[in-house]
Protein backbone atom coordinates (compact mmCIF):
# COMPACT_ATOMS: atom_id res chain seq x y z
CA MET A 1 83.48 80.73 -101.10
CA ASP A 2 86.51 78.88 -99.77
CA MET A 3 90.16 79.55 -99.02
CA ASN A 4 93.26 77.52 -98.22
CA ILE A 5 95.64 78.17 -95.32
CA ARG A 6 99.02 76.44 -95.51
CA ILE A 7 101.16 76.11 -92.37
CA ALA A 8 104.73 75.19 -93.35
CA GLY A 9 107.94 74.61 -91.45
CA GLU A 10 110.31 72.01 -90.10
CA ALA A 11 109.34 68.70 -88.53
CA GLY A 12 109.16 69.22 -84.77
CA GLN A 13 108.40 72.95 -85.11
CA GLY A 14 104.67 72.79 -84.41
CA VAL A 15 103.23 72.47 -87.92
CA LEU A 16 100.88 69.68 -86.82
CA THR A 17 99.99 71.45 -83.58
CA THR A 18 99.08 74.70 -85.33
CA GLY A 19 97.21 72.94 -88.13
CA GLY A 20 95.30 70.67 -85.78
CA LEU A 21 94.28 73.59 -83.59
CA LEU A 22 93.04 75.54 -86.63
CA VAL A 23 91.09 72.55 -87.97
CA GLN A 24 89.18 72.09 -84.73
CA SER A 25 88.71 75.84 -84.26
CA PHE A 26 87.32 76.42 -87.75
CA ALA A 27 84.93 73.46 -87.41
CA SER A 28 83.74 74.71 -84.01
CA LEU A 29 83.23 78.16 -85.49
CA GLY A 30 80.83 76.78 -88.09
CA LEU A 31 82.98 76.38 -91.20
CA ASN A 32 83.35 73.40 -93.53
CA VAL A 33 86.88 72.00 -93.35
CA ALA A 34 89.08 69.74 -95.49
CA ALA A 35 92.68 69.39 -94.35
CA THR A 36 95.63 67.51 -95.85
CA ARG A 37 99.30 67.06 -94.98
CA SER A 38 102.61 66.76 -96.79
CA TYR A 39 105.55 65.62 -94.71
CA MET A 40 109.02 64.17 -95.10
CA SER A 41 110.21 60.93 -93.55
CA ARG A 42 112.18 62.51 -90.72
CA ILE A 43 111.69 63.47 -87.09
CA ARG A 44 113.40 66.89 -87.24
CA GLY A 45 114.09 69.40 -90.00
CA GLY A 46 113.05 69.26 -93.63
CA LEU A 47 109.98 71.01 -94.97
CA ASN A 48 106.48 69.88 -94.01
CA TRP A 49 103.16 71.59 -94.49
CA TYR A 50 99.58 71.27 -93.38
CA ASP A 51 96.83 72.60 -95.66
CA VAL A 52 93.61 73.69 -93.97
CA ARG A 53 90.92 74.51 -96.50
CA ILE A 54 87.80 76.23 -95.17
CA GLY A 55 84.54 77.18 -96.87
CA ASP A 56 80.87 77.99 -96.52
CA ARG A 57 79.95 74.79 -98.39
CA PRO A 58 81.04 71.12 -98.06
CA LEU A 59 84.65 70.48 -99.17
CA PHE A 60 85.98 67.15 -100.41
CA GLY A 61 89.63 67.75 -101.21
CA PRO A 62 92.59 70.13 -101.16
CA ALA A 63 93.22 73.33 -103.08
CA PRO A 64 96.23 73.62 -105.44
CA GLY A 65 97.79 76.69 -103.78
CA ALA A 66 97.59 78.81 -100.65
CA ASP A 67 95.56 81.95 -100.02
CA LEU A 68 97.40 82.36 -96.73
CA LEU A 69 100.87 80.86 -96.21
CA VAL A 70 102.01 80.65 -92.59
CA ALA A 71 105.78 80.29 -93.05
CA LEU A 72 107.45 79.20 -89.82
CA THR A 73 110.93 79.25 -91.46
CA ASP A 74 112.70 81.22 -94.19
CA LEU A 75 112.93 77.99 -96.21
CA ALA A 76 109.15 77.57 -96.08
CA ARG A 77 108.61 81.17 -97.17
CA ASP A 78 111.10 81.02 -100.05
CA THR A 79 110.15 77.54 -101.30
CA LEU A 80 106.38 77.92 -101.20
CA ARG A 81 106.06 81.61 -102.10
CA ALA A 82 105.37 80.71 -105.72
CA GLU A 83 102.31 78.67 -104.67
CA VAL A 84 100.59 81.60 -102.97
CA ALA A 85 97.51 82.54 -104.99
CA PRO A 86 97.21 86.01 -106.56
CA GLY A 87 96.02 88.39 -103.86
CA GLY A 88 97.17 85.95 -101.18
CA LEU A 89 99.23 86.73 -98.09
CA ILE A 90 102.27 85.33 -96.29
CA LEU A 91 102.45 85.33 -92.49
CA HIS A 92 106.15 84.99 -91.77
CA ASN A 93 107.70 83.95 -88.47
CA GLY A 94 110.37 86.63 -88.18
CA ALA A 95 111.16 90.21 -89.12
CA GLY A 96 111.15 92.04 -92.43
CA ALA A 97 107.61 92.77 -93.52
CA ALA A 98 107.16 93.45 -97.23
CA GLU A 99 104.37 93.72 -99.75
CA GLY A 100 102.20 90.65 -99.36
CA VAL A 101 104.09 89.62 -96.22
CA VAL A 102 103.05 90.10 -92.59
CA ALA A 103 106.02 89.49 -90.30
CA ILE A 104 105.50 88.48 -86.66
CA ASP A 105 108.26 86.93 -84.57
CA LEU A 106 106.08 84.11 -83.24
CA ASP A 107 108.87 82.59 -81.13
CA ALA A 108 109.67 85.90 -79.43
CA VAL A 109 106.00 86.63 -78.73
CA ALA A 110 105.51 83.15 -77.27
CA LYS A 111 108.52 83.56 -74.99
CA GLN A 112 107.49 87.05 -73.91
CA VAL A 113 103.78 86.37 -73.31
CA GLY A 114 103.72 82.68 -72.42
CA GLY A 115 107.20 82.30 -70.99
CA ASN A 116 108.23 79.59 -73.49
CA LYS A 117 108.70 79.59 -77.24
CA LEU A 118 106.86 76.25 -77.35
CA TYR A 119 103.71 78.36 -77.34
CA SER A 120 104.59 79.75 -80.78
CA SER A 121 102.05 77.41 -82.44
CA THR A 122 99.32 78.96 -80.29
CA VAL A 123 100.50 82.46 -81.27
CA ALA A 124 100.39 81.40 -84.92
CA ALA A 125 96.81 80.08 -84.63
CA GLY A 126 95.72 83.33 -82.99
CA ALA A 127 97.45 85.35 -85.72
CA VAL A 128 95.60 83.42 -88.43
CA PHE A 129 92.28 84.14 -86.76
CA GLY A 130 93.25 87.80 -86.44
CA LEU A 131 94.20 88.07 -90.11
CA LEU A 132 90.92 86.47 -91.20
CA GLY A 133 88.81 88.64 -88.92
CA TYR A 134 87.58 85.83 -86.68
CA GLY A 135 87.51 86.35 -82.92
CA PRO A 136 89.94 84.11 -81.02
CA ARG A 137 87.39 83.10 -78.37
CA VAL A 138 86.66 79.72 -79.97
CA ILE A 139 90.38 78.83 -79.87
CA GLU A 140 90.54 79.83 -76.23
CA GLY A 141 87.67 77.47 -75.45
CA LEU A 142 89.36 74.56 -77.23
CA LEU A 143 92.62 75.22 -75.41
CA GLU A 144 90.81 75.17 -72.08
CA GLU A 145 89.37 71.75 -72.94
CA GLN A 146 92.69 70.44 -74.23
CA PHE A 147 94.92 71.60 -71.37
CA ALA A 148 92.52 71.51 -68.42
CA LYS A 149 94.42 68.61 -66.83
CA LYS A 150 97.73 70.48 -67.04
CA GLY A 151 96.56 73.25 -64.78
CA GLY A 152 95.49 76.86 -64.89
CA GLU A 153 98.94 78.28 -65.66
CA VAL A 154 99.23 76.34 -68.92
CA VAL A 155 95.68 77.28 -69.95
CA LEU A 156 96.30 80.94 -69.14
CA ALA A 157 99.60 81.02 -71.07
CA ASN A 158 97.93 79.53 -74.13
CA ARG A 159 95.02 81.93 -73.93
CA ASN A 160 97.31 84.94 -73.63
CA CYS A 161 99.37 83.77 -76.62
CA VAL A 162 96.25 83.34 -78.75
CA LYS A 163 95.03 86.81 -77.83
CA GLU A 164 98.41 88.40 -78.52
CA GLY A 165 98.75 86.69 -81.88
CA ALA A 166 95.26 87.82 -82.90
CA LYS A 167 95.93 91.38 -81.73
CA LEU A 168 99.22 91.67 -83.64
CA ALA A 169 97.69 90.38 -86.88
CA ALA A 170 94.28 92.09 -86.75
CA GLY A 171 93.76 94.89 -89.23
CA LYS A 172 96.86 94.17 -91.33
CA SER A 173 96.54 95.35 -94.91
CA GLY A 174 96.09 92.88 -97.73
CA ARG A 175 93.98 90.51 -95.63
CA PRO A 176 92.48 87.78 -97.86
CA ALA A 177 88.70 87.46 -97.97
CA ALA A 178 87.50 84.70 -95.63
CA PRO A 179 84.32 82.59 -95.79
CA LYS A 180 81.59 83.42 -93.31
CA PRO A 181 80.88 80.82 -90.58
CA ASP A 182 77.30 79.67 -90.08
CA GLY A 183 77.74 79.03 -86.33
CA ARG A 184 76.85 75.32 -86.59
CA ARG A 185 79.61 73.35 -84.88
CA ARG A 186 80.89 70.49 -87.03
CA ARG A 187 82.75 67.26 -86.30
CA VAL A 188 86.03 66.55 -88.04
CA TYR A 189 87.38 63.07 -88.78
CA ASP A 190 90.36 61.75 -90.69
CA GLY A 191 90.25 58.54 -92.72
CA ALA A 192 92.31 56.57 -90.22
CA THR A 193 89.94 57.46 -87.38
CA ALA A 194 86.82 56.72 -89.45
CA ILE A 195 88.14 53.24 -90.26
CA GLY A 196 89.16 52.56 -86.66
CA LEU A 197 85.87 53.84 -85.24
CA SER A 198 83.87 51.73 -87.68
CA ALA A 199 85.88 48.63 -86.77
CA ALA A 200 85.31 49.25 -83.05
CA VAL A 201 81.58 49.88 -83.48
CA SER A 202 81.26 46.82 -85.72
CA GLY A 203 82.56 44.54 -82.98
CA VAL A 204 86.24 43.98 -83.76
CA LYS A 205 87.68 42.41 -80.61
CA PHE A 206 91.26 41.80 -81.70
CA ALA A 207 93.55 44.14 -83.65
CA THR A 208 97.23 43.62 -84.28
CA ALA A 209 99.86 45.18 -86.52
CA TYR A 210 103.51 45.90 -86.94
CA PRO A 211 103.65 49.72 -87.17
CA MET A 212 103.95 50.97 -90.75
CA THR A 213 103.10 54.40 -92.10
CA PRO A 214 100.35 55.28 -92.98
CA ALA A 215 98.40 52.37 -91.48
CA THR A 216 99.74 53.03 -87.98
CA ALA A 217 97.25 55.87 -87.43
CA THR A 218 94.32 53.40 -87.51
CA PHE A 219 96.18 51.01 -85.21
CA ALA A 220 96.89 53.85 -82.76
CA TYR A 221 93.23 54.90 -82.79
CA LEU A 222 92.06 51.37 -81.97
CA ALA A 223 94.55 51.31 -79.08
CA SER A 224 93.11 54.59 -77.79
CA VAL A 225 89.56 53.16 -77.63
CA ALA A 226 90.50 49.60 -76.65
CA ASP A 227 89.14 49.89 -73.11
CA GLU A 228 85.94 51.59 -74.23
CA TYR A 229 85.06 48.90 -76.78
CA GLY A 230 86.73 45.87 -75.19
CA ILE A 231 89.37 45.33 -77.87
CA VAL A 232 92.63 43.42 -77.41
CA VAL A 233 95.28 45.45 -79.26
CA GLU A 234 98.65 43.78 -79.79
CA GLN A 235 101.75 45.19 -81.45
CA ALA A 236 103.24 42.22 -83.28
CA GLU A 237 106.95 41.63 -83.82
CA ASP A 238 106.43 41.66 -87.60
CA GLU A 239 103.73 41.49 -90.25
CA ILE A 240 103.96 37.70 -90.53
CA ALA A 241 103.07 37.36 -86.87
CA ALA A 242 100.29 39.94 -87.20
CA VAL A 243 98.41 38.16 -89.99
CA ASN A 244 98.78 34.76 -88.33
CA MET A 245 97.47 36.19 -85.04
CA VAL A 246 94.40 37.45 -86.89
CA CYS A 247 93.94 34.00 -88.46
CA GLY A 248 94.00 32.52 -84.97
CA ALA A 249 91.57 35.06 -83.57
CA THR A 250 89.03 34.48 -86.34
CA TYR A 251 89.38 30.69 -85.98
CA ALA A 252 88.39 31.24 -82.34
CA GLY A 253 85.31 33.16 -83.47
CA ALA A 254 86.36 36.78 -82.93
CA ALA A 255 86.01 39.61 -85.41
CA ALA A 256 89.63 40.66 -86.02
CA MET A 257 91.73 42.75 -88.36
CA THR A 258 95.26 43.88 -89.07
CA MET A 259 96.66 46.86 -90.92
CA THR A 260 99.78 47.55 -92.98
CA SER A 261 101.12 49.11 -96.17
CA GLY A 262 102.44 47.55 -99.39
CA GLY A 263 105.78 46.28 -98.10
CA GLY A 264 104.18 44.83 -94.98
CA PHE A 265 101.35 43.31 -97.00
CA ALA A 266 103.98 41.47 -99.06
CA LEU A 267 105.01 39.69 -95.86
CA MET A 268 101.39 38.86 -95.07
CA VAL A 269 100.67 37.07 -98.33
CA GLU A 270 101.35 33.55 -97.03
CA GLY A 271 98.96 34.23 -94.13
CA LEU A 272 96.42 35.54 -96.64
CA SER A 273 96.59 32.22 -98.48
CA LEU A 274 96.28 30.41 -95.15
CA ALA A 275 93.01 32.24 -94.52
CA GLY A 276 91.89 31.32 -98.04
CA MET A 277 92.51 27.62 -97.41
CA MET A 278 91.06 27.59 -93.88
CA GLU A 279 88.14 29.85 -94.88
CA LEU A 280 88.84 32.40 -92.17
CA PRO A 281 87.16 35.86 -92.22
CA ILE A 282 90.27 37.98 -91.78
CA VAL A 283 90.28 41.68 -92.73
CA ILE A 284 93.49 43.47 -93.76
CA LEU A 285 93.72 47.23 -94.14
CA VAL A 286 96.30 48.06 -96.82
CA ALA A 287 97.08 51.78 -96.53
CA GLN A 288 99.05 52.40 -99.71
CA ARG A 289 102.19 54.48 -100.19
CA PRO A 290 104.66 54.67 -103.10
CA GLY A 291 106.90 51.68 -103.77
CA PRO A 292 108.69 49.60 -104.75
CA ALA A 293 110.43 48.47 -101.54
CA THR A 294 110.37 51.15 -98.83
CA GLY A 295 109.62 53.73 -101.52
CA LEU A 296 108.42 57.07 -100.17
CA PRO A 297 107.16 56.17 -96.67
CA THR A 298 105.25 59.39 -95.98
CA ARG A 299 103.83 60.09 -99.44
CA THR A 300 100.67 58.84 -101.13
CA ALA A 301 100.07 56.44 -104.02
CA GLN A 302 97.52 53.93 -105.31
CA GLN A 303 99.91 51.28 -106.58
CA ASP A 304 98.77 48.09 -104.83
CA LEU A 305 95.40 47.26 -106.40
CA LEU A 306 96.70 44.60 -108.81
CA PHE A 307 98.89 43.20 -106.04
CA ALA A 308 95.88 42.96 -103.72
CA LEU A 309 93.76 41.35 -106.44
CA ARG A 310 96.31 38.61 -107.18
CA ALA A 311 98.29 38.21 -103.96
CA GLY A 312 98.59 34.68 -102.64
CA HIS A 313 99.56 31.29 -103.99
CA GLY A 314 96.81 29.16 -105.43
CA GLU A 315 93.35 30.51 -106.14
CA PHE A 316 90.82 31.59 -103.55
CA ALA A 317 88.06 34.16 -103.30
CA ARG A 318 88.60 37.53 -101.71
CA ALA A 319 86.76 40.86 -101.68
CA ILE A 320 88.41 44.27 -101.96
CA PHE A 321 86.85 47.56 -100.87
CA THR A 322 88.35 50.93 -101.82
CA PRO A 323 86.81 53.90 -99.97
CA GLY A 324 87.10 57.34 -101.55
CA SER A 325 85.82 59.60 -98.79
CA ILE A 326 85.73 59.83 -95.00
CA ARG A 327 82.13 58.60 -94.97
CA GLN A 328 83.04 55.65 -97.18
CA CYS A 329 85.96 54.80 -94.87
CA TYR A 330 83.40 54.35 -92.10
CA ASP A 331 80.73 52.56 -94.14
CA LEU A 332 82.99 50.22 -96.13
CA THR A 333 84.98 49.09 -93.09
CA ARG A 334 81.77 47.65 -91.66
CA ARG A 335 80.86 46.16 -95.02
CA ALA A 336 84.32 44.58 -95.27
CA LEU A 337 83.85 42.88 -91.90
CA GLU A 338 80.31 41.78 -92.77
CA THR A 339 81.46 40.36 -96.10
CA ALA A 340 84.37 38.47 -94.55
CA HIS A 341 82.15 36.78 -91.97
CA LYS A 342 79.23 36.08 -94.30
CA TYR A 343 81.39 34.36 -96.92
CA GLN A 344 84.26 33.14 -94.69
CA THR A 345 86.90 34.62 -96.92
CA PRO A 346 89.73 37.18 -96.59
CA VAL A 347 88.75 40.77 -97.29
CA LEU A 348 91.08 43.66 -98.09
CA LEU A 349 90.37 47.33 -97.44
CA LEU A 350 92.53 49.58 -99.63
CA THR A 351 93.18 53.17 -98.71
CA ASP A 352 96.21 55.47 -99.05
CA GLN A 353 98.23 58.07 -97.16
CA PHE A 354 96.13 60.91 -98.54
CA LEU A 355 92.84 59.46 -97.31
CA GLN A 356 94.31 58.16 -94.04
CA ASP A 357 95.52 61.63 -93.06
CA MET A 358 92.87 63.82 -94.71
CA GLU A 359 90.54 65.54 -92.23
CA GLN A 360 87.05 66.52 -93.25
CA SER A 361 84.05 68.01 -91.48
CA THR A 362 81.16 65.64 -91.92
CA ASP A 363 78.04 64.33 -90.22
CA THR A 364 78.68 62.83 -86.80
CA LEU A 365 79.62 59.15 -87.08
CA GLU A 366 77.84 56.63 -84.89
CA THR A 367 79.87 55.58 -81.85
CA THR A 368 77.45 53.12 -80.21
CA ALA A 369 78.57 49.51 -80.55
CA GLN A 370 76.57 47.58 -83.15
CA PRO A 371 78.43 44.27 -83.65
CA ILE A 372 78.15 42.58 -87.03
CA ASN A 373 76.61 39.16 -87.54
CA ARG A 374 79.54 36.74 -87.43
CA HIS A 375 77.40 33.96 -88.95
CA LEU A 376 78.46 31.35 -86.39
CA ALA A 377 76.68 28.00 -86.49
CA ALA A 378 74.24 27.73 -83.63
CA ASN A 379 73.97 24.53 -81.59
CA ALA A 380 76.64 22.66 -83.57
CA GLY A 381 76.82 19.12 -82.23
CA GLU A 382 78.81 15.92 -82.59
CA ASP A 383 77.75 15.49 -86.23
CA TYR A 384 79.30 18.87 -87.16
CA VAL A 385 81.30 18.99 -90.42
CA ARG A 386 83.43 22.12 -90.79
CA TYR A 387 83.88 22.11 -94.57
CA ALA A 388 80.60 20.55 -95.60
CA VAL A 389 80.03 20.92 -99.33
CA THR A 390 77.12 23.27 -99.93
CA GLU A 391 75.45 24.76 -102.97
CA SER A 392 76.53 28.28 -101.97
CA GLY A 393 80.06 27.20 -101.10
CA VAL A 394 79.67 28.57 -97.56
CA SER A 395 80.05 25.88 -94.89
CA PRO A 396 78.76 26.08 -91.29
CA ARG A 397 81.30 27.79 -89.02
CA ALA A 398 81.41 26.82 -85.36
CA VAL A 399 83.63 28.04 -82.57
CA PRO A 400 86.05 25.47 -81.13
CA GLY A 401 85.49 24.49 -77.53
CA GLY A 402 81.85 23.43 -77.66
CA ARG A 403 80.24 20.06 -78.40
CA ALA A 404 81.35 20.28 -82.02
CA LEU A 405 84.82 19.15 -83.07
CA VAL A 406 86.25 21.95 -85.23
CA VAL A 407 89.13 20.67 -87.34
CA CYS A 408 91.16 23.05 -89.52
CA ASP A 409 94.37 22.61 -91.46
CA SER A 410 96.57 24.56 -93.85
CA ASP A 411 96.85 21.54 -96.14
CA GLU A 412 94.06 20.46 -98.42
CA HIS A 413 91.45 18.64 -96.38
CA THR A 414 88.29 16.60 -96.48
CA ALA A 415 84.90 18.02 -95.59
CA GLU A 416 85.64 17.05 -91.98
CA GLY A 417 88.85 19.10 -92.01
CA HIS A 418 91.36 16.23 -92.07
CA ILE A 419 94.45 16.36 -94.31
CA THR A 420 94.05 14.60 -97.63
CA GLU A 421 95.92 14.12 -100.89
CA ASP A 422 92.89 12.70 -102.64
CA LEU A 423 92.55 14.65 -105.88
CA GLU A 424 88.78 14.25 -106.06
CA ALA A 425 88.44 15.69 -102.57
CA HIS A 426 90.77 18.56 -103.56
CA VAL A 427 88.67 19.43 -106.62
CA GLU A 428 85.50 19.21 -104.56
CA GLN A 429 86.86 21.55 -101.85
CA GLN A 430 88.46 23.94 -104.33
CA ASP A 431 85.24 24.27 -106.30
CA LYS A 432 83.38 24.85 -103.02
CA ARG A 433 85.76 27.61 -101.97
CA MET A 434 85.49 29.37 -105.31
CA ARG A 435 81.67 29.22 -105.16
């Protein structure tokens, strides 16, 4: 069986904190988890929610309604009440219990027990565990790991708030049936992390982007592991700079990528064509959201496939990969990098806000570095020809700075890389690139 818990409230009220704590706690307890988010494009206020679906079998997507609605505001309770499944329950932050509603003043409990209403998210997580009949010990353990560096007082306050929330909610009537954990601790990843981890493991050494939802989450992850994997992470001044930096990094021989969404990708198109002409193995993550223009920055859509297929002036080969699961996010990121370097062509990785943010319990992903084959020409000498015409269309690629002279240009060029306006040379090079 499975059930869906929806935590809903204002931005800045702890929706993400409560949801994230529940996701990790359920996975540690031995439940399968699939979590999704819906949020408005604002820092404070509005109505956001975090769905945490749990089950005794693998889960691959969200549920349409909520079996347990944790309403942190009156607006959340009133707006989402209709989406509570028959036999479901509402845990309301406030007073006024009614049929189908358990009322606990989470803010007051947090202030009384922990000394600060900021602990209300911890009270809420404990209350959910109490309502479902799970012991709060696993949450306490996670809190100890999370706040160990902040000192014993913070850990103790969080533990007390979890216990109090569980105690107040335990035994309430109308409790929804909950799936039984199997005790096997699971790992949880979101799509953004799976893509970033795969890029790091695959040997990406340079990552740059101009922050744009929902691609920023992958960029932030790469920044968090930059020291561990030896990655240079650079926040560019705009998307034009980002794609041109990646072109430069791949020209120098590094595995490199950038990430953006539809509007930012529009700015990258000239750089994409540059990579097509110079035969550079750049990889661009396009994390889609609704357009046109700025559209709905925090919502999901799959509207950029035709754009990705045809973007760029002139004709040049490119590959596009579109993962549909957390596992595919990990596997296809590596394949995108391998494809780019094998064929010396731009590669696009298309995902969307839903998959970027979705969290899923899955098999542990490999974290040991296993760099891809960059297919660099070994022992290139003075007779090296960068754009030599070959039957496959793939020319030898050397790194500048050695004995070989590596000449590249954004104009059409001869096999040696020098600018030309000779039409026969253009046809020869264009046919080679398309092969």
